[in-house]
């Protein structure tokens, strides 16, 4: 299990912080929940940071997804990316058996 903290101020100015946090959380928390459910991670959006807790690979993928959202990628694009990555993780875990 690992913790990754993303400082949003290194990506956007304070002026855009609220909007970007809104994109990460999504309508009624849907985007955040989707990332959490698909990757089995926990995400906290607080102040000027986003914290992600989970296993190393999942946290790295979640970080990439959040960076995509910060850079303006559409939610649907990010969800497709997450679903593809999840399949890759599943395939890799099956190869161990």
N, C-alpha and C. Protein backbone atom coordinates (compact mmCIF):
# COMPACT_ATOMS: atom_id res chain seq x y z
N UNK A 1 0.84 -1.19 0.00
CA UNK A 1 0.00 0.00 0.00
C UNK A 1 0.88 1.24 0.00
N UNK A 2 0.49 2.21 -0.81
CA UNK A 2 1.28 3.43 -0.91
C UNK A 2 0.36 4.66 -0.90
N UNK A 3 0.94 5.80 -0.58
CA UNK A 3 0.22 7.08 -0.57
C UNK A 3 0.89 8.01 -1.57
N UNK A 4 0.10 8.62 -2.43
CA UNK A 4 0.62 9.60 -3.40
C UNK A 4 -0.17 10.88 -3.22
N UNK A 5 0.55 11.98 -3.07
CA UNK A 5 -0.14 13.27 -2.91
C UNK A 5 0.19 14.15 -4.10
N UNK A 6 -0.84 14.60 -4.78
CA UNK A 6 -0.68 15.48 -5.94
C UNK A 6 -0.96 16.91 -5.50
N UNK A 7 0.01 17.78 -5.69
CA UNK A 7 -0.18 19.20 -5.39
C UNK A 7 -0.74 19.87 -6.64
N UNK A 8 -2.02 20.23 -6.58
CA UNK A 8 -2.69 20.79 -7.76
C UNK A 8 -2.11 22.14 -8.17
N UNK A 9 -1.50 22.87 -7.23
CA UNK A 9 -0.97 24.19 -7.56
C UNK A 9 0.22 24.09 -8.52
N UNK A 10 0.82 22.91 -8.63
CA UNK A 10 1.92 22.77 -9.59
C UNK A 10 1.37 22.57 -11.01
N UNK A 11 0.06 22.38 -11.14
CA UNK A 11 -0.57 22.22 -12.45
C UNK A 11 -1.39 23.44 -12.86
N UNK A 12 -2.11 24.01 -11.90
CA UNK A 12 -3.01 25.12 -12.23
C UNK A 12 -2.87 26.25 -11.21
N UNK A 13 -3.29 27.45 -11.63
CA UNK A 13 -3.27 28.59 -10.71
C UNK A 13 -4.45 28.48 -9.74
N UNK A 14 -4.37 29.23 -8.65
CA UNK A 14 -5.43 29.21 -7.64
C UNK A 14 -6.79 29.55 -8.25
N UNK A 15 -6.75 30.38 -9.30
CA UNK A 15 -7.98 30.82 -9.95
C UNK A 15 -8.78 29.63 -10.51
N UNK A 16 -8.05 28.61 -11.00
CA UNK A 16 -8.71 27.46 -11.63
C UNK A 16 -8.85 26.26 -10.71
N UNK A 17 -8.37 26.41 -9.48
CA UNK A 17 -8.33 25.28 -8.55
C UNK A 17 -9.70 24.66 -8.31
N UNK A 18 -10.70 25.50 -8.06
CA UNK A 18 -12.05 25.02 -7.76
C UNK A 18 -12.61 24.20 -8.92
N UNK A 19 -12.42 24.71 -10.14
CA UNK A 19 -12.93 24.05 -11.33
C UNK A 19 -12.24 22.69 -11.52
N UNK A 20 -10.93 22.65 -11.33
CA UNK A 20 -10.18 21.41 -11.52
C UNK A 20 -10.57 20.38 -10.46
N UNK A 21 -10.73 20.84 -9.22
CA UNK A 21 -11.17 19.91 -8.17
C UNK A 21 -12.55 19.36 -8.52
N UNK A 22 -13.40 20.19 -9.08
CA UNK A 22 -14.72 19.76 -9.52
C UNK A 22 -14.65 18.70 -10.60
N UNK A 23 -13.69 18.87 -11.52
CA UNK A 23 -13.51 17.88 -12.60
C UNK A 23 -13.06 16.54 -12.02
N UNK A 24 -12.16 16.58 -11.04
CA UNK A 24 -11.64 15.35 -10.44
C UNK A 24 -12.75 14.63 -9.67
N UNK A 25 -13.53 15.39 -8.93
CA UNK A 25 -14.60 14.80 -8.12
C UNK A 25 -15.76 14.35 -9.02
N UNK A 26 -16.10 15.18 -10.00
CA UNK A 26 -17.19 14.85 -10.92
C UNK A 26 -18.54 15.18 -10.31
N UNK A 27 -19.57 15.03 -11.12
CA UNK A 27 -20.93 15.35 -10.68
C UNK A 27 -21.34 14.39 -9.56
N UNK A 28 -21.67 14.96 -8.43
CA UNK A 28 -22.06 14.20 -7.23
C UNK A 28 -21.03 13.13 -6.85
N UNK A 29 -19.75 13.43 -7.12
CA UNK A 29 -18.67 12.52 -6.74
C UNK A 29 -18.49 11.33 -7.66
N UNK A 30 -19.14 11.38 -8.83
CA UNK A 30 -19.13 10.20 -9.70
C UNK A 30 -17.76 9.86 -10.26
N UNK A 31 -16.99 10.87 -10.66
CA UNK A 31 -15.69 10.59 -11.27
C UNK A 31 -14.74 9.99 -10.23
N UNK A 32 -14.71 10.61 -9.06
CA UNK A 32 -13.85 10.10 -8.00
C UNK A 32 -14.23 8.66 -7.64
N UNK A 33 -15.53 8.40 -7.56
CA UNK A 33 -16.01 7.06 -7.22
C UNK A 33 -15.63 6.06 -8.30
N UNK A 34 -15.74 6.47 -9.56
CA UNK A 34 -15.37 5.59 -10.68
C UNK A 34 -13.90 5.20 -10.58
N UNK A 35 -13.03 6.17 -10.34
CA UNK A 35 -11.60 5.88 -10.22
C UNK A 35 -11.36 4.94 -9.04
N UNK A 36 -12.01 5.25 -7.91
CA UNK A 36 -11.84 4.42 -6.72
C UNK A 36 -12.31 2.98 -6.97
N UNK A 37 -13.47 2.84 -7.59
CA UNK A 37 -14.04 1.50 -7.82
C UNK A 37 -13.23 0.68 -8.82
N UNK A 38 -12.83 1.32 -9.93
CA UNK A 38 -12.11 0.58 -10.97
C UNK A 38 -10.72 0.15 -10.52
N UNK A 39 -10.07 0.97 -9.68
CA UNK A 39 -8.68 0.68 -9.32
C UNK A 39 -8.51 0.22 -7.88
N UNK A 40 -9.61 0.18 -7.12
CA UNK A 40 -9.55 -0.21 -5.71
C UNK A 40 -8.57 0.68 -4.93
N UNK A 41 -8.74 2.00 -5.09
CA UNK A 41 -7.94 2.98 -4.35
C UNK A 41 -8.88 3.90 -3.59
N UNK A 42 -8.33 4.68 -2.68
CA UNK A 42 -9.10 5.71 -1.97
C UNK A 42 -8.53 7.06 -2.37
N UNK A 43 -9.43 8.00 -2.68
CA UNK A 43 -8.99 9.33 -3.12
C UNK A 43 -9.60 10.39 -2.22
N UNK A 44 -8.76 11.31 -1.78
CA UNK A 44 -9.22 12.44 -0.99
C UNK A 44 -8.84 13.73 -1.72
N UNK A 45 -9.84 14.56 -2.02
CA UNK A 45 -9.59 15.86 -2.64
C UNK A 45 -9.81 16.89 -1.55
N UNK A 46 -8.73 17.54 -1.10
CA UNK A 46 -8.84 18.45 0.03
C UNK A 46 -7.87 19.61 -0.15
N UNK A 47 -8.38 20.81 0.04
CA UNK A 47 -7.51 21.99 -0.10
C UNK A 47 -6.94 22.07 -1.50
N UNK A 48 -5.62 22.12 -1.58
CA UNK A 48 -4.96 22.23 -2.89
C UNK A 48 -4.32 20.91 -3.30
N UNK A 49 -4.71 19.81 -2.63
CA UNK A 49 -4.08 18.53 -2.92
C UNK A 49 -5.09 17.43 -3.20
N UNK A 50 -4.62 16.38 -3.86
CA UNK A 50 -5.38 15.16 -4.06
C UNK A 50 -4.50 14.04 -3.52
N UNK A 51 -5.04 13.26 -2.58
CA UNK A 51 -4.29 12.14 -2.01
C UNK A 51 -4.89 10.84 -2.53
N UNK A 52 -4.02 9.90 -2.90
CA UNK A 52 -4.46 8.59 -3.40
C UNK A 52 -3.78 7.52 -2.56
N UNK A 53 -4.57 6.58 -2.04
CA UNK A 53 -4.02 5.47 -1.26
C UNK A 53 -4.45 4.17 -1.93
N UNK A 54 -3.50 3.24 -2.09
CA UNK A 54 -3.80 1.94 -2.68
C UNK A 54 -2.51 1.22 -2.99
N UNK A 55 -2.62 0.13 -3.78
CA UNK A 55 -1.38 -0.55 -4.12
C UNK A 55 -0.64 0.26 -5.19
N UNK A 56 0.67 0.02 -5.27
CA UNK A 56 1.56 0.87 -6.06
C UNK A 56 1.10 1.07 -7.50
N UNK A 57 0.77 -0.03 -8.20
CA UNK A 57 0.37 0.08 -9.61
C UNK A 57 -0.92 0.87 -9.77
N UNK A 58 -1.91 0.57 -8.92
CA UNK A 58 -3.20 1.25 -9.01
C UNK A 58 -3.07 2.74 -8.73
N UNK A 59 -2.24 3.10 -7.74
CA UNK A 59 -2.04 4.51 -7.40
C UNK A 59 -1.40 5.25 -8.58
N UNK A 60 -0.45 4.60 -9.23
CA UNK A 60 0.21 5.22 -10.39
C UNK A 60 -0.79 5.47 -11.52
N UNK A 61 -1.68 4.50 -11.75
CA UNK A 61 -2.70 4.66 -12.80
C UNK A 61 -3.69 5.76 -12.41
N UNK A 62 -4.10 5.77 -11.14
CA UNK A 62 -5.04 6.80 -10.66
C UNK A 62 -4.43 8.19 -10.82
N UNK A 63 -3.13 8.30 -10.52
CA UNK A 63 -2.44 9.58 -10.66
C UNK A 63 -2.48 10.03 -12.13
N UNK A 64 -2.22 9.08 -13.03
CA UNK A 64 -2.23 9.40 -14.45
C UNK A 64 -3.62 9.87 -14.89
N UNK A 65 -4.66 9.18 -14.39
CA UNK A 65 -6.04 9.56 -14.72
C UNK A 65 -6.36 10.96 -14.21
N UNK A 66 -5.93 11.26 -12.99
CA UNK A 66 -6.19 12.59 -12.41
C UNK A 66 -5.44 13.66 -13.18
N UNK A 67 -4.20 13.35 -13.58
CA UNK A 67 -3.45 14.31 -14.39
C UNK A 67 -4.12 14.56 -15.73
N UNK A 68 -4.73 13.50 -16.31
CA UNK A 68 -5.47 13.66 -17.57
C UNK A 68 -6.64 14.62 -17.36
N UNK A 69 -7.35 14.46 -16.24
CA UNK A 69 -8.49 15.34 -15.94
C UNK A 69 -8.03 16.78 -15.75
N UNK A 70 -6.91 16.95 -15.04
CA UNK A 70 -6.36 18.29 -14.79
C UNK A 70 -6.00 18.96 -16.11
N UNK A 71 -5.48 18.16 -17.05
CA UNK A 71 -5.07 18.71 -18.35
C UNK A 71 -6.24 18.89 -19.31
N UNK A 72 -7.45 18.54 -18.87
CA UNK A 72 -8.63 18.85 -19.66
C UNK A 72 -9.20 17.70 -20.47
N UNK A 73 -8.73 16.47 -20.24
CA UNK A 73 -9.28 15.32 -20.97
C UNK A 73 -10.75 15.14 -20.58
N UNK A 74 -11.54 14.65 -21.52
CA UNK A 74 -12.96 14.43 -21.23
C UNK A 74 -13.10 13.26 -20.26
N UNK A 75 -14.16 13.31 -19.44
CA UNK A 75 -14.40 12.24 -18.47
C UNK A 75 -14.49 10.88 -19.16
N UNK A 76 -15.18 10.83 -20.31
CA UNK A 76 -15.35 9.56 -21.01
C UNK A 76 -14.00 8.99 -21.45
N UNK A 77 -13.09 9.86 -21.89
CA UNK A 77 -11.75 9.44 -22.30
C UNK A 77 -11.00 8.83 -21.12
N UNK A 78 -11.10 9.49 -19.97
CA UNK A 78 -10.41 9.02 -18.77
C UNK A 78 -10.99 7.68 -18.32
N UNK A 79 -12.31 7.53 -18.39
CA UNK A 79 -12.95 6.27 -17.98
C UNK A 79 -12.50 5.14 -18.90
N UNK A 80 -12.43 5.39 -20.21
CA UNK A 80 -11.94 4.36 -21.15
C UNK A 80 -10.51 3.97 -20.80
N UNK A 81 -9.68 4.97 -20.50
CA UNK A 81 -8.29 4.72 -20.11
C UNK A 81 -8.24 3.84 -18.86
N UNK A 82 -9.07 4.18 -17.86
CA UNK A 82 -9.10 3.42 -16.61
C UNK A 82 -9.54 1.98 -16.84
N UNK A 83 -10.57 1.80 -17.68
CA UNK A 83 -11.06 0.45 -17.95
C UNK A 83 -10.00 -0.39 -18.66
N UNK A 84 -9.27 0.23 -19.59
CA UNK A 84 -8.20 -0.48 -20.30
C UNK A 84 -7.10 -0.89 -19.33
N UNK A 85 -6.70 0.04 -18.47
CA UNK A 85 -5.64 -0.23 -17.50
C UNK A 85 -6.07 -1.31 -16.51
N UNK A 86 -7.33 -1.28 -16.13
CA UNK A 86 -7.83 -2.29 -15.19
C UNK A 86 -7.74 -3.69 -15.81
N UNK A 87 -8.13 -3.77 -17.10
CA UNK A 87 -8.02 -5.05 -17.80
C UNK A 87 -6.57 -5.53 -17.83
N UNK A 88 -5.64 -4.59 -18.09
CA UNK A 88 -4.22 -4.95 -18.12
C UNK A 88 -3.76 -5.47 -16.75
N UNK A 89 -4.22 -4.80 -15.68
CA UNK A 89 -3.86 -5.25 -14.33
C UNK A 89 -4.39 -6.64 -14.06
N UNK A 90 -5.65 -6.87 -14.47
CA UNK A 90 -6.27 -8.18 -14.27
C UNK A 90 -5.51 -9.27 -15.02
N UNK A 91 -5.15 -8.99 -16.28
CA UNK A 91 -4.42 -9.95 -17.10
C UNK A 91 -3.08 -10.29 -16.43
N UNK A 92 -2.41 -9.26 -15.93
CA UNK A 92 -1.12 -9.48 -15.29
C UNK A 92 -1.25 -10.32 -14.03
N UNK A 93 -2.31 -10.06 -13.27
CA UNK A 93 -2.50 -10.83 -12.02
C UNK A 93 -2.86 -12.28 -12.34
N UNK A 94 -3.52 -12.51 -13.48
CA UNK A 94 -3.87 -13.88 -13.87
C UNK A 94 -2.64 -14.66 -14.33
N UNK A 95 -1.66 -13.94 -14.88
CA UNK A 95 -0.44 -14.60 -15.36
C UNK A 95 0.37 -15.22 -14.23
N UNK A 96 0.14 -14.77 -13.02
CA UNK A 96 0.89 -15.29 -11.87
C UNK A 96 0.45 -16.69 -11.48
N UNK A 97 -0.77 -17.08 -11.91
CA UNK A 97 -1.30 -18.36 -11.48
C UNK A 97 -1.00 -19.47 -12.46
